[in-house]
Amino acid sequence: MSMIQRYRAGMPQLSYTGLSENWLLKECGHRHWEALAAHAGREQTDFHDDDGGRSYAAFTAIRLQTGGLDSIGENDTFDIRSTLCRTGPVRHFSTHRIMRGETEIAELSMSSAFVTRGEPRSNRCVARAALAALPGGVEPMPEPALQMMQMSKRLRAADRAALPELAPATDEPIEFLPCPNSDFNGADFLYFASFQAFVDRAEWQWRRFDEPPLVASRSLFYYGNVDVGDTLSLRVVGSAEDERGIRHWTEVRRKSDGMKIADVTTEKRWRRR
């Protein structure tokens, strides 16, 4: 299924470096959620597992590729063209193309799986949900989704050969205490878009650039979540810098038990103004 929505860029959609990556993740995440409901023939995004428990679509992998978020400024119009397909019993994959006229500004790919909590309000007891009555047939997994799944497995296993161009990093880990008012969503999960924000904040702490670089690509792979009050530790595994820009691989761990809950790879190019 497919959907098209037009936007006019204002302050909520913009950042210092153009179209806000964080806003884009949140908006496309919402569009993915709305498309799931439409795909299932529902008016509302209200899903329950086979035991009657509330179930949510948790993102397992996201990949953004862009060459021009800075090409969108105040009052510019742009479209987001979204498609979604079912790739497993409780898995879905969506693609969102950000278009300014007929020019593609960026493409965002998102994989999700339905999950449920084993204990009320505990984000450390989340498991794959069973939804036998979920309508719609399963389609072959698109190649981008397969690539994201394979990379997720390699990074989770700390396979440095997955990103051979990155040299081992020596930066000290940075800790963040996620704020319930800003970093968690209405389902009480640490919001998937907050991970991108934490990595950018950590990058700014490690490097105070004279001119902040522009994101060219970002991949986020999610393995777990945290409860309110738990602290995160971010550590750069590998990094590189040249005349084109910077690249780094950051892992996110839960401080309470040391579990790695996400890997994030980032590529940014130098901004010329």
Protein backbone atom coordinates (compact mmCIF):
# COMPACT_ATOMS: atom_id res chain seq x y z
CA MET A 1 0.00 0.00 0.00
CA SER A 2 1.13 3.59 -0.55
CA MET A 3 0.37 7.08 0.80
CA ILE A 4 1.41 10.62 -0.14
CA GLN A 5 1.38 13.62 2.21
CA ARG A 6 2.41 17.22 1.47
CA TYR A 7 4.13 19.48 4.02
CA ARG A 8 5.25 23.09 4.28
CA ALA A 9 8.49 23.47 6.22
CA GLY A 10 8.17 25.51 9.39
CA MET A 11 10.06 25.60 12.66
CA PRO A 12 8.89 22.11 13.82
CA GLN A 13 10.24 20.56 10.60
CA LEU A 14 13.52 22.49 10.46
CA SER A 15 16.83 22.45 12.29
CA TYR A 16 20.09 24.40 12.08
CA THR A 17 21.16 22.24 9.13
CA GLY A 18 17.90 22.12 7.13
CA LEU A 19 15.09 19.59 7.34
CA SER A 20 15.28 18.09 10.82
CA GLU A 21 16.38 14.46 10.83
CA ASN A 22 14.75 13.95 14.22
CA TRP A 23 11.41 15.36 13.01
CA LEU A 24 11.66 13.21 9.89
CA LEU A 25 12.18 10.03 11.93
CA LYS A 26 9.20 10.84 14.13
CA GLU A 27 6.93 11.75 11.22
CA CYS A 28 7.82 8.69 9.17
CA GLY A 29 7.49 6.51 12.26
CA HIS A 30 3.96 7.87 12.67
CA ARG A 31 3.25 7.25 8.98
CA HIS A 32 4.52 3.68 9.35
CA TRP A 33 2.16 3.19 12.30
CA GLU A 34 -0.80 4.68 10.41
CA ALA A 35 0.01 2.50 7.38
CA LEU A 36 -0.01 -0.61 9.60
CA ALA A 37 -3.55 0.20 10.67
CA ALA A 38 -4.67 0.83 7.09
CA HIS A 39 -2.96 -2.37 5.92
CA ALA A 40 -4.88 -4.30 8.60
CA GLY A 41 -8.16 -2.61 7.63
CA ARG A 42 -8.44 -0.69 10.91
CA GLU A 43 -9.39 2.90 11.56
CA GLN A 44 -7.22 3.13 14.68
CA THR A 45 -3.75 1.90 15.57
CA ASP A 46 -5.06 -0.47 18.23
CA PHE A 47 -3.44 -3.91 18.11
CA HIS A 48 -3.65 -6.76 20.63
CA ASP A 49 -1.76 -10.05 20.69
CA ASP A 50 -3.36 -13.49 20.80
CA ASP A 51 -3.57 -13.30 24.61
CA GLY A 52 -5.38 -9.96 24.49
CA GLY A 53 -2.41 -7.88 25.58
CA ARG A 54 -1.63 -4.50 24.00
CA SER A 55 0.88 -4.84 21.20
CA TYR A 56 3.03 -2.18 19.56
CA ALA A 57 5.14 -2.09 16.42
CA ALA A 58 8.72 -1.62 17.62
CA PHE A 59 11.34 -0.59 15.10
CA THR A 60 14.16 -3.08 14.68
CA ALA A 61 16.16 -1.24 11.99
CA ILE A 62 16.11 2.13 10.24
CA ARG A 63 18.24 3.48 7.40
CA LEU A 64 18.30 7.07 6.16
CA GLN A 65 20.08 8.04 2.96
CA THR A 66 20.14 11.66 1.84
CA GLY A 67 22.07 14.10 -0.22
CA GLY A 68 20.20 17.28 0.59
CA LEU A 69 18.26 17.84 3.82
CA ASP A 70 19.83 21.31 3.76
CA SER A 71 18.06 22.04 0.47
CA ILE A 72 14.76 22.50 2.34
CA GLY A 73 14.25 25.82 4.09
CA GLU A 74 11.47 27.81 5.69
CA ASN A 75 8.15 27.74 3.77
CA ASP A 76 9.41 25.21 1.19
CA THR A 77 6.91 22.52 0.27
CA PHE A 78 7.82 18.85 0.06
CA ASP A 79 6.08 15.48 -0.11
CA ILE A 80 6.62 12.22 1.74
CA ARG A 81 5.66 9.22 -0.40
CA SER A 82 5.30 6.11 1.74
CA THR A 83 4.90 2.43 0.94
CA LEU A 84 4.51 -0.50 3.34
CA CYS A 85 4.51 -4.28 3.02
CA ARG A 86 4.27 -7.22 5.41
CA THR A 87 7.50 -9.26 5.48
CA GLY A 88 6.71 -11.81 8.21
CA PRO A 89 4.01 -12.94 10.66
CA VAL A 90 4.50 -9.78 12.76
CA ARG A 91 7.11 -7.91 10.67
CA HIS A 92 6.58 -4.98 8.29
CA PHE A 93 8.84 -2.83 6.13
CA SER A 94 8.18 0.70 4.91
CA THR A 95 9.96 3.10 2.58
CA HIS A 96 9.50 6.87 2.73
CA ARG A 97 10.76 9.04 -0.11
CA ILE A 98 11.10 12.74 0.65
CA MET A 99 10.44 14.65 -2.56
CA ARG A 100 10.78 18.33 -3.42
CA GLY A 101 8.91 18.48 -6.68
CA GLU A 102 10.27 15.55 -8.65
CA THR A 103 13.65 15.63 -6.91
CA GLU A 104 14.27 13.03 -4.23
CA ILE A 105 15.81 14.64 -1.14
CA ALA A 106 16.07 11.53 1.01
CA GLU A 107 14.89 7.97 1.46
CA LEU A 108 14.07 6.41 4.81
CA SER A 109 13.65 2.64 5.23
CA MET A 110 12.03 1.25 8.38
CA SER A 111 11.62 -2.34 9.65
CA SER A 112 9.32 -3.14 12.57
CA ALA A 113 8.06 -6.11 14.57
CA PHE A 114 5.06 -6.30 16.88
CA VAL A 115 6.07 -6.70 20.53
CA THR A 116 4.35 -7.00 23.87
CA ARG A 117 5.43 -6.56 27.50
CA GLY A 118 5.92 -9.58 29.74
CA GLU A 119 5.37 -7.40 32.81
CA PRO A 120 3.26 -4.22 33.06
CA ARG A 121 5.27 -1.03 32.51
CA SER A 122 8.55 -2.95 32.22
CA ASN A 123 10.58 -2.25 29.10
CA ARG A 124 13.11 -4.93 30.04
CA CYS A 125 10.55 -7.72 29.55
CA VAL A 126 9.58 -7.03 25.93
CA ALA A 127 9.11 -9.99 23.59
CA ARG A 128 7.91 -10.66 20.06
CA ALA A 129 4.11 -10.73 19.98
CA ALA A 130 1.91 -13.36 18.36
CA LEU A 131 -0.90 -11.98 16.17
CA ALA A 132 -2.37 -14.96 14.34
CA ALA A 133 -5.38 -12.96 13.14
CA LEU A 134 -3.33 -10.16 11.58
CA PRO A 135 -4.77 -9.76 8.05
CA GLY A 136 -2.80 -9.49 4.84
CA GLY A 137 -0.40 -11.85 3.12
CA VAL A 138 3.35 -11.98 3.67
CA GLU A 139 5.46 -10.65 0.80
CA PRO A 140 9.08 -11.47 -0.04
CA MET A 141 11.45 -9.33 2.00
CA PRO A 142 12.80 -6.42 -0.10
CA GLU A 143 16.55 -6.37 -0.66
CA PRO A 144 17.09 -3.24 1.49
CA ALA A 145 15.35 -4.99 4.39
CA LEU A 146 17.59 -8.04 3.98
CA GLN A 147 20.68 -5.85 3.92
CA MET A 148 19.59 -4.08 7.08
CA MET A 149 18.93 -7.39 8.84
CA GLN A 150 22.35 -8.75 7.89
CA MET A 151 24.15 -5.61 9.03
CA SER A 152 22.22 -5.63 12.30
CA LYS A 153 23.45 -9.16 13.07
CA ARG A 154 27.06 -8.24 12.33
CA LEU A 155 27.07 -5.07 14.40
CA ARG A 156 25.28 -6.70 17.32
CA ALA A 157 28.01 -9.35 17.33
CA ALA A 158 30.65 -6.54 17.32
CA ASP A 159 32.00 -7.64 13.93
CA ARG A 160 34.47 -4.85 13.16
CA ALA A 161 34.91 -6.24 9.64
CA ALA A 162 31.41 -4.99 8.88
CA LEU A 163 32.84 -1.44 8.74
CA PRO A 164 36.52 -1.93 7.86
CA GLU A 165 37.11 1.73 6.99
CA LEU A 166 36.61 2.80 10.60
CA ALA A 167 39.60 2.96 12.95
CA PRO A 168 39.17 1.98 16.63
CA ALA A 169 38.02 5.01 18.62
CA THR A 170 39.44 6.20 21.93
CA ASP A 171 36.72 8.62 23.06
CA GLU A 172 35.44 8.11 26.58
CA PRO A 173 31.82 6.92 26.84
CA ILE A 174 29.17 9.55 27.47
CA GLU A 175 26.20 8.91 29.73
CA PHE A 176 22.66 10.21 29.37
CA LEU A 177 19.70 9.94 31.72
CA PRO A 178 16.66 9.86 29.41
CA CYS A 179 13.93 12.27 30.46
CA PRO A 180 10.36 10.86 30.64
CA ASN A 181 8.90 14.16 29.42
CA SER A 182 11.08 14.36 26.31
CA ASP A 183 12.60 10.97 25.43
CA PHE A 184 9.80 8.44 26.07
CA ASN A 185 6.67 8.01 23.97
CA GLY A 186 3.02 7.57 24.87
CA ALA A 187 3.46 3.80 25.14
CA ASP A 188 6.10 4.41 27.87
CA PHE A 189 8.96 3.16 25.68
CA LEU A 190 12.18 5.08 25.11
CA TYR A 191 11.22 6.58 21.73
CA PHE A 192 13.11 5.20 18.75
CA ALA A 193 13.93 8.73 17.49
CA SER A 194 15.57 9.60 20.83
CA PHE A 195 18.47 7.28 19.98
CA GLN A 196 19.42 9.48 17.02
CA ALA A 197 19.22 12.55 19.24
CA PHE A 198 21.49 10.97 21.89
CA VAL A 199 24.11 10.08 19.27
CA ASP A 200 24.11 13.60 17.84
CA ARG A 201 24.41 15.11 21.33
CA ALA A 202 27.29 12.78 22.14
CA GLU A 203 28.98 13.65 18.84
CA TRP A 204 28.70 17.34 19.71
CA GLN A 205 30.27 16.65 23.10
CA TRP A 206 33.15 14.78 21.50
CA ARG A 207 33.63 17.28 18.69
CA ARG A 208 32.67 20.95 18.72
CA PHE A 209 32.74 21.61 14.97
CA ASP A 210 33.23 25.12 13.63
CA GLU A 211 30.47 24.24 11.15
CA PRO A 212 28.23 21.26 12.01
CA PRO A 213 28.40 18.62 9.25
CA LEU A 214 25.31 17.43 7.38
CA VAL A 215 23.97 13.92 7.72
CA ALA A 216 24.45 11.84 4.55
CA SER A 217 23.35 8.49 5.93
CA ARG A 218 22.33 7.02 9.26
CA SER A 219 21.44 3.46 10.26
CA LEU A 220 19.95 2.53 13.62
CA PHE A 221 19.57 -1.05 14.85
CA TYR A 222 17.51 -1.68 17.97
CA TYR A 223 17.83 -4.65 20.36
CA GLY A 224 16.17 -3.48 23.57
CA ASN A 225 14.77 -0.62 25.62
CA VAL A 226 15.05 0.96 29.06
CA ASP A 227 12.78 1.82 31.95
CA VAL A 228 12.30 5.35 33.19
CA GLY A 229 15.21 6.14 35.51
CA ASP A 230 17.77 3.94 33.74
CA THR A 231 20.91 5.53 32.32
CA LEU A 232 22.42 5.06 28.86
CA SER A 233 26.11 4.79 28.01
CA LEU A 234 27.21 5.73 24.46
CA ARG A 235 30.61 4.65 23.17
CA VAL A 236 32.17 5.17 19.75
CA VAL A 237 33.40 1.81 18.48
CA GLY A 238 35.10 3.14 15.35
CA SER A 239 35.44 6.42 13.47
CA ALA A 240 37.04 8.03 10.44
CA GLU A 241 37.48 11.55 9.07
CA ASP A 242 38.67 12.87 5.71
CA GLU A 243 38.13 15.76 3.31
CA ARG A 244 34.56 14.59 2.62
CA GLY A 245 33.33 14.33 6.19
CA ILE A 246 33.11 12.04 9.20
CA ARG A 247 31.87 8.50 9.87
CA HIS A 248 31.36 6.66 13.12
CA TRP A 249 29.80 3.59 14.70
CA THR A 250 28.29 4.13 18.16
CA GLU A 251 26.91 1.51 20.51
CA VAL A 252 24.26 2.29 23.11
CA ARG A 253 24.20 0.30 26.34
CA ARG A 254 21.85 0.12 29.27
CA LYS A 255 23.84 1.02 32.38
CA SER A 256 21.79 -1.08 34.81
CA ASP A 257 22.95 -4.39 33.32
CA GLY A 258 25.39 -3.43 30.53
CA MET A 259 23.16 -4.81 27.77
CA LYS A 260 23.72 -3.31 24.32
CA ILE A 261 20.34 -2.00 23.18
CA ALA A 262 21.32 -0.31 19.90
CA ASP A 263 24.02 0.23 17.29
CA VAL A 264 24.08 3.44 15.26
CA THR A 265 26.21 4.13 12.20
CA THR A 266 26.53 7.69 10.95
CA GLU A 267 28.02 9.36 7.90
CA LYS A 268 28.13 13.16 7.62
CA ARG A 269 29.61 15.49 5.05
CA TRP A 270 31.22 18.84 5.66
CA ARG A 271 28.93 21.80 5.19
CA ARG A 272 30.03 24.61 2.88
CA ARG A 273 28.37 27.98 3.49
